[in-house]
């Protein structure tokens, strides 16, 4: 996303990168000169107080769209209420198949021949929001959770870049999901 957003032809810009802990994405943002912030979940007594601080950080940056990618926590309802439907997330499965934190492992355990990647609007459920984009990824003989996840990640990234483009150019109108 950071690479795509640097192109003059790409219709969106990244204003900040945030995380709930130290993460590779923060260093990546620094390489691109993008400001970043961390709101450590473990520093707060409750999900709601963590959400209040996260919401305060987001308000400072005034994003038109909040993109989650790799955040493995449910957002507090007050944050979802303020930004929805302009919050999207990637998921390493072809939703509604295999929602939750272990979509890749669950697909392998189910013995299916394909899974996928999805981009959804975030709601208050676990991977239950409206699906904006998705693509199938075959499961190959001998795949492990790690090898399959590595093949899904580039598909997630491509879908995310295209979905943000489609939102920015109004090909996807998030108002439809209010």
Protein backbone atom coordinates (compact mmCIF):
# COMPACT_ATOMS: atom_id res chain seq x y z
CA UNK A 1 0.00 0.00 0.00
CA UNK A 2 2.81 2.43 0.86
CA UNK A 3 4.53 1.71 -2.44
CA UNK A 4 1.33 2.06 -4.44
CA UNK A 5 0.40 5.31 -2.69
CA UNK A 6 3.71 6.90 -3.72
CA UNK A 7 2.72 6.76 -7.37
CA UNK A 8 1.27 10.01 -8.70
CA UNK A 9 -1.34 7.93 -10.55
CA UNK A 10 -2.60 6.20 -7.40
CA UNK A 11 -5.66 8.10 -6.10
CA UNK A 12 -5.02 7.69 -2.35
CA UNK A 13 -2.33 8.68 0.13
CA UNK A 14 -1.31 7.14 3.45
CA UNK A 15 -1.38 9.80 6.18
CA UNK A 16 -0.13 7.64 9.08
CA UNK A 17 0.53 4.06 10.12
CA UNK A 18 -0.57 2.87 13.54
CA UNK A 19 -0.14 -0.32 15.52
CA UNK A 20 -1.04 -1.88 18.84
CA UNK A 21 2.57 -3.06 19.38
CA UNK A 22 5.95 -2.74 17.74
CA UNK A 23 5.60 -4.17 14.23
CA UNK A 24 7.47 -4.33 10.93
CA UNK A 25 4.91 -2.00 9.35
CA UNK A 26 6.12 0.87 11.54
CA UNK A 27 9.68 0.55 10.22
CA UNK A 28 8.29 0.25 6.69
CA UNK A 29 6.34 3.49 7.21
CA UNK A 30 9.49 5.21 8.42
CA UNK A 31 11.31 4.15 5.23
CA UNK A 32 8.57 5.92 3.25
CA UNK A 33 8.58 9.01 5.46
CA UNK A 34 5.09 8.26 6.78
CA UNK A 35 4.38 9.22 10.40
CA UNK A 36 3.47 6.38 12.74
CA UNK A 37 2.05 5.82 16.20
CA UNK A 38 1.67 2.95 18.65
CA UNK A 39 -1.22 2.46 21.07
CA UNK A 40 -0.19 -0.63 23.08
CA UNK A 41 -3.21 -2.70 24.01
CA UNK A 42 -1.41 -4.00 27.11
CA UNK A 43 -1.07 -0.45 28.50
CA UNK A 44 -4.81 -0.12 29.06
CA UNK A 45 -7.17 -1.62 31.63
CA UNK A 46 -9.88 -2.39 29.08
CA UNK A 47 -10.56 -2.70 25.37
CA UNK A 48 -12.72 0.42 25.64
CA UNK A 49 -9.96 2.57 27.18
CA UNK A 50 -7.52 1.29 24.55
CA UNK A 51 -10.13 2.16 21.94
CA UNK A 52 -10.53 5.67 23.34
CA UNK A 53 -6.80 6.32 22.87
CA UNK A 54 -6.76 4.71 19.43
CA UNK A 55 -9.73 6.85 18.48
CA UNK A 56 -7.90 9.97 19.72
CA UNK A 57 -4.89 9.08 17.56
CA UNK A 58 -7.07 8.51 14.50
CA UNK A 59 -8.86 11.81 15.01
CA UNK A 60 -5.51 13.61 14.93
CA UNK A 61 -4.84 12.26 11.43
CA UNK A 62 -8.42 12.70 10.14
CA UNK A 63 -8.31 9.78 7.69
CA UNK A 64 -11.00 9.35 5.08
CA UNK A 65 -10.46 5.59 5.34
CA UNK A 66 -9.00 3.39 8.09
CA UNK A 67 -7.23 0.32 6.74
CA UNK A 68 -6.55 -2.61 9.05
CA UNK A 69 -4.04 -5.19 7.97
CA UNK A 70 -2.50 -7.51 10.50
CA UNK A 71 -4.34 -6.09 13.51
CA UNK A 72 -5.41 -9.18 15.43
CA UNK A 73 -7.83 -7.46 17.80
CA UNK A 74 -11.48 -6.58 17.67
CA UNK A 75 -11.98 -2.86 17.56
CA UNK A 76 -14.13 -1.38 20.32
CA UNK A 77 -17.69 -0.54 19.30
CA UNK A 78 -17.18 3.22 19.80
CA UNK A 79 -14.38 3.28 17.22
CA UNK A 80 -16.36 1.22 14.71
CA UNK A 81 -19.37 3.47 15.24
CA UNK A 82 -17.35 6.61 14.53
CA UNK A 83 -15.61 5.41 11.35
CA UNK A 84 -17.83 2.72 9.84
CA UNK A 85 -18.22 1.96 7.04
CA UNK A 86 -14.89 3.64 6.27
CA UNK A 87 -12.90 0.92 8.04
CA UNK A 88 -11.70 -2.01 5.95
CA UNK A 89 -9.70 -5.11 6.79
CA UNK A 90 -7.92 -7.90 4.97
CA UNK A 91 -8.45 -11.54 5.90
CA UNK A 92 -6.50 -14.62 4.75
CA UNK A 93 -9.54 -16.68 3.72
CA UNK A 94 -12.40 -16.57 1.26
CA UNK A 95 -15.03 -15.24 3.64
CA UNK A 96 -17.44 -16.27 4.99
CA UNK A 97 -15.31 -19.42 5.01
CA UNK A 98 -12.84 -19.62 7.90
CA UNK A 99 -13.37 -16.38 9.83
CA UNK A 100 -11.31 -15.55 12.90
CA UNK A 101 -7.67 -15.50 13.88
CA UNK A 102 -6.73 -18.86 12.35
CA UNK A 103 -8.26 -18.80 8.88
CA UNK A 104 -5.26 -20.40 7.17
CA UNK A 105 -4.88 -23.15 9.77
CA UNK A 106 -8.63 -23.78 9.75
CA UNK A 107 -8.68 -24.15 5.94
CA UNK A 108 -5.88 -26.71 6.09
CA UNK A 109 -7.58 -28.60 8.91
CA UNK A 110 -10.83 -28.72 6.91
CA UNK A 111 -9.05 -30.44 4.04
CA UNK A 112 -10.41 -28.05 1.39
CA UNK A 113 -8.62 -27.64 -1.92
CA UNK A 114 -8.79 -23.85 -1.98
CA UNK A 115 -9.11 -20.90 0.33
CA UNK A 116 -8.49 -17.28 -0.52
CA UNK A 117 -8.14 -13.69 0.57
CA UNK A 118 -10.82 -11.11 1.30
CA UNK A 119 -11.19 -7.40 1.94
CA UNK A 120 -14.19 -6.49 4.07
CA UNK A 121 -15.88 -3.55 5.73
CA UNK A 122 -15.26 -3.82 9.47
CA UNK A 123 -18.31 -4.21 11.67
CA UNK A 124 -18.65 -5.31 15.30
CA UNK A 125 -18.43 -9.01 14.48
CA UNK A 126 -15.49 -11.27 13.72
CA UNK A 127 -14.93 -11.05 9.96
CA UNK A 128 -18.67 -10.59 9.37
CA UNK A 129 -18.72 -7.25 7.52
CA UNK A 130 -19.70 -6.82 3.89
CA UNK A 131 -17.20 -8.29 1.43
CA UNK A 132 -15.64 -5.73 -0.91
CA UNK A 133 -13.22 -7.98 -2.81
CA UNK A 134 -11.93 -11.52 -2.70
CA UNK A 135 -9.94 -14.01 -4.69
CA UNK A 136 -9.40 -17.75 -4.44
CA UNK A 137 -5.99 -19.25 -3.63
CA UNK A 138 -5.44 -22.98 -4.24
CA UNK A 139 -4.14 -25.19 -1.47
CA UNK A 140 -1.28 -27.25 -2.82
CA UNK A 141 -0.23 -30.73 -1.70
CA UNK A 142 2.27 -30.43 1.14
CA UNK A 143 1.20 -26.91 2.08
CA UNK A 144 1.83 -25.91 5.67
CA UNK A 145 0.23 -23.02 7.47
CA UNK A 146 3.38 -20.97 6.77
CA UNK A 147 3.67 -21.79 3.05
CA UNK A 148 -0.02 -21.23 2.38
CA UNK A 149 -0.04 -17.96 4.29
CA UNK A 150 2.97 -16.74 2.29
CA UNK A 151 1.03 -17.40 -0.95
CA UNK A 152 -2.06 -15.65 0.40
CA UNK A 153 -0.26 -12.47 1.55
CA UNK A 154 0.51 -11.12 -1.95
CA UNK A 155 -3.10 -11.73 -2.98
CA UNK A 156 -4.31 -9.83 0.11
CA UNK A 157 -1.99 -6.94 -0.75
CA UNK A 158 -3.18 -6.79 -4.38
CA UNK A 159 -6.81 -6.88 -3.30
CA UNK A 160 -6.21 -4.16 -0.71
CA UNK A 161 -4.47 -1.85 -3.17
CA UNK A 162 -7.25 -2.34 -5.73
CA UNK A 163 -10.01 -1.92 -3.13
CA UNK A 164 -8.53 1.34 -1.80
CA UNK A 165 -8.21 2.54 -5.40
CA UNK A 166 -11.85 1.63 -6.04
CA UNK A 167 -12.96 3.46 -2.88
CA UNK A 168 -10.90 6.55 -3.76
CA UNK A 169 -12.33 6.66 -7.30
CA UNK A 170 -15.87 5.91 -6.07
CA UNK A 171 -16.06 2.64 -7.99
CA UNK A 172 -16.92 1.27 -4.54
CA UNK A 173 -19.24 3.57 -2.60
CA UNK A 174 -18.90 2.83 1.09
CA UNK A 175 -22.11 4.82 1.78
CA UNK A 176 -23.96 1.76 0.50
CA UNK A 177 -22.84 -0.07 3.64
CA UNK A 178 -24.24 2.34 6.24
